[in-house]
């Protein structure tokens, strides 16, 4: 059982449809200047007796241009290169951002070395996890979804 033979999605006779398309293109003049492969036969190589192209001879029709006629070559060092402007400075961190970062650092210190604060690891580990979560949560809650108020009317592409 062949699924293509029983299919009703396309034309029943593909060859007739293809012939119609080709005939329409020939009427419109498409492909008149194309090389007809049936008319051109490859030259037989006399040395091997096979249909292989032999070595080509190159005939120079135009003499080489004078060096005086060629345009002047430009030195790449002389070209102007784009020099980007200096990036803007980092914004000043707000007090609440510094507090969130401090909680994050405190959580890492409590997790790595609770002995610095005179705590055992069974007490320092839960405190460190609470401090880490609080610091990360505070930073996430402070993220802005809108552009800063001084950005102007053209705030660029936003997704």
Protein backbone atom coordinates (compact mmCIF):
# COMPACT_ATOMS: atom_id res chain seq x y z
CA UNK A 1 0.00 0.00 0.00
CA UNK A 2 1.50 3.32 -1.09
CA UNK A 3 0.34 6.36 0.82
CA UNK A 4 1.24 8.77 -2.04
CA UNK A 5 -0.81 6.85 -4.59
CA UNK A 6 -3.91 6.94 -2.39
CA UNK A 7 -3.44 10.57 -1.32
CA UNK A 8 -5.95 13.18 -2.47
CA UNK A 9 -3.89 16.16 -1.29
CA UNK A 10 -2.29 17.03 -4.63
CA UNK A 11 -2.98 16.74 -8.34
CA UNK A 12 -3.56 13.29 -9.70
CA UNK A 13 -1.11 13.57 -12.57
CA UNK A 14 2.00 15.41 -11.46
CA UNK A 15 3.76 15.01 -14.82
CA UNK A 16 0.99 16.82 -16.72
CA UNK A 17 0.98 19.65 -14.19
CA UNK A 18 4.76 19.99 -14.43
CA UNK A 19 4.57 20.06 -18.25
CA UNK A 20 1.95 22.85 -18.04
CA UNK A 21 4.18 24.89 -15.75
CA UNK A 22 7.21 24.46 -18.02
CA UNK A 23 5.16 25.36 -21.13
CA UNK A 24 3.90 28.51 -19.41
CA UNK A 25 7.42 29.54 -18.50
CA UNK A 26 8.64 28.93 -22.06
CA UNK A 27 5.79 31.09 -23.42
CA UNK A 28 6.88 33.91 -21.09
CA UNK A 29 10.45 33.64 -22.42
CA UNK A 30 12.04 32.33 -19.24
CA UNK A 31 15.29 30.49 -19.88
CA UNK A 32 15.81 31.38 -23.57
CA UNK A 33 19.41 32.38 -23.02
CA UNK A 34 20.28 29.39 -20.86
CA UNK A 35 22.81 26.85 -22.06
CA UNK A 36 21.14 23.78 -23.52
CA UNK A 37 23.04 20.78 -22.20
CA UNK A 38 21.76 18.53 -25.00
CA UNK A 39 23.42 20.64 -27.70
CA UNK A 40 26.80 20.90 -25.98
CA UNK A 41 28.90 17.76 -25.89
CA UNK A 42 32.04 17.60 -23.82
CA UNK A 43 35.31 17.18 -25.66
CA UNK A 44 36.93 13.81 -25.39
CA UNK A 45 40.34 13.81 -23.85
CA UNK A 46 42.64 12.17 -26.39
CA UNK A 47 45.06 10.93 -23.76
CA UNK A 48 42.55 9.01 -21.62
CA UNK A 49 39.67 8.54 -24.07
CA UNK A 50 37.14 9.68 -21.44
CA UNK A 51 34.77 12.63 -21.51
CA UNK A 52 36.93 14.90 -19.41
CA UNK A 53 37.83 18.45 -20.10
CA UNK A 54 41.42 18.85 -21.16
CA UNK A 55 43.80 21.55 -20.04
CA UNK A 56 42.56 25.01 -20.95
CA UNK A 57 44.65 27.54 -22.75
CA UNK A 58 44.27 31.08 -21.52
CA UNK A 59 44.44 33.80 -24.12
CA UNK A 60 44.90 37.33 -22.85
CA UNK A 61 42.68 39.65 -24.87
CA UNK A 62 43.42 42.82 -22.94
CA UNK A 63 46.92 43.75 -21.86
CA UNK A 64 47.52 44.26 -18.14
CA UNK A 65 46.63 47.80 -17.02
CA UNK A 66 49.40 50.27 -16.31
CA UNK A 67 50.19 50.78 -12.64
CA UNK A 68 49.62 54.51 -13.25
CA UNK A 69 46.00 53.80 -14.26
CA UNK A 70 45.19 51.89 -11.08
CA UNK A 71 43.72 53.82 -8.16
CA UNK A 72 45.97 54.67 -5.28
CA UNK A 73 46.01 52.01 -2.57
CA UNK A 74 44.98 53.29 0.82
CA UNK A 75 46.90 52.57 3.94
CA UNK A 76 44.60 50.97 6.55
CA UNK A 77 46.33 52.97 9.29
CA UNK A 78 45.26 56.23 7.66
CA UNK A 79 41.56 55.40 7.73
CA UNK A 80 39.43 56.95 10.40
CA UNK A 81 38.26 54.39 12.91
CA UNK A 82 35.21 54.71 15.06
CA UNK A 83 36.15 55.59 18.59
CA UNK A 84 33.24 54.88 20.92
CA UNK A 85 32.44 57.39 23.61
CA UNK A 86 33.32 56.70 27.21
CA UNK A 87 30.69 54.60 28.98
CA UNK A 88 28.59 56.36 31.59
CA UNK A 89 29.71 55.92 35.20
CA UNK A 90 28.04 53.40 37.45
CA UNK A 91 25.07 54.81 39.29
CA UNK A 92 25.38 55.56 43.00
CA UNK A 93 23.99 52.68 45.03
CA UNK A 94 21.07 53.48 47.29
CA UNK A 95 21.08 52.65 50.99
CA UNK A 96 18.54 49.83 50.60
CA UNK A 97 20.64 48.23 47.83
CA UNK A 98 23.72 48.39 50.06
CA UNK A 99 21.74 46.78 52.89
CA UNK A 100 20.61 43.92 50.61
CA UNK A 101 24.18 43.35 49.43
CA UNK A 102 25.34 43.42 53.07
CA UNK A 103 22.81 40.72 53.96
CA UNK A 104 24.05 38.64 51.04
CA UNK A 105 27.69 38.95 52.15
CA UNK A 106 26.71 38.22 55.77
CA UNK A 107 24.92 35.06 54.62
CA UNK A 108 27.97 33.87 52.72
CA UNK A 109 30.24 34.54 55.72
CA UNK A 110 27.91 32.69 58.09
CA UNK A 111 27.77 29.75 55.70
CA UNK A 112 31.53 29.53 55.06
CA UNK A 113 32.95 30.49 58.44
CA UNK A 114 30.40 30.75 61.28
CA UNK A 115 33.27 30.70 63.81
CA UNK A 116 34.09 34.33 62.92
CA UNK A 117 30.94 35.35 64.80
CA UNK A 118 31.45 32.78 67.57
CA UNK A 119 28.68 30.47 66.29
CA UNK A 120 28.63 26.76 65.69
CA UNK A 121 27.78 25.50 62.22
CA UNK A 122 24.42 24.05 63.34
CA UNK A 123 23.31 27.57 64.28
CA UNK A 124 25.25 29.46 61.59
CA UNK A 125 23.92 27.45 58.63
CA UNK A 126 20.21 28.26 59.11
CA UNK A 127 21.06 31.91 59.88
CA UNK A 128 23.19 32.09 56.74
CA UNK A 129 20.39 30.66 54.61
CA UNK A 130 17.92 33.19 56.04
CA UNK A 131 20.36 36.06 55.43
CA UNK A 132 21.09 34.90 51.86
CA UNK A 133 17.41 34.52 51.01
CA UNK A 134 16.58 37.89 52.56
CA UNK A 135 19.37 39.64 50.63
CA UNK A 136 18.48 38.06 47.30
CA UNK A 137 14.76 38.63 47.87
CA UNK A 138 15.34 42.29 48.75
CA UNK A 139 17.37 42.79 45.57
CA UNK A 140 14.72 41.10 43.44
CA UNK A 141 11.88 43.10 44.99
CA UNK A 142 13.75 46.34 44.30
CA UNK A 143 14.16 45.65 40.57
CA UNK A 144 12.34 48.17 38.39
CA UNK A 145 10.18 47.29 35.40
CA UNK A 146 9.94 50.84 34.11
CA UNK A 147 12.64 53.09 32.71
CA UNK A 148 14.27 55.60 35.03
CA UNK A 149 12.45 58.92 35.29
CA UNK A 150 15.26 60.85 33.58
CA UNK A 151 15.36 58.64 30.45
CA UNK A 152 13.26 61.01 28.29
CA UNK A 153 10.65 60.12 25.70
CA UNK A 154 12.88 57.71 23.73
CA UNK A 155 13.62 54.84 26.08
CA UNK A 156 14.68 52.38 23.36
CA UNK A 157 13.32 48.95 22.60
CA UNK A 158 11.73 47.13 25.49
CA UNK A 159 10.69 43.53 25.43
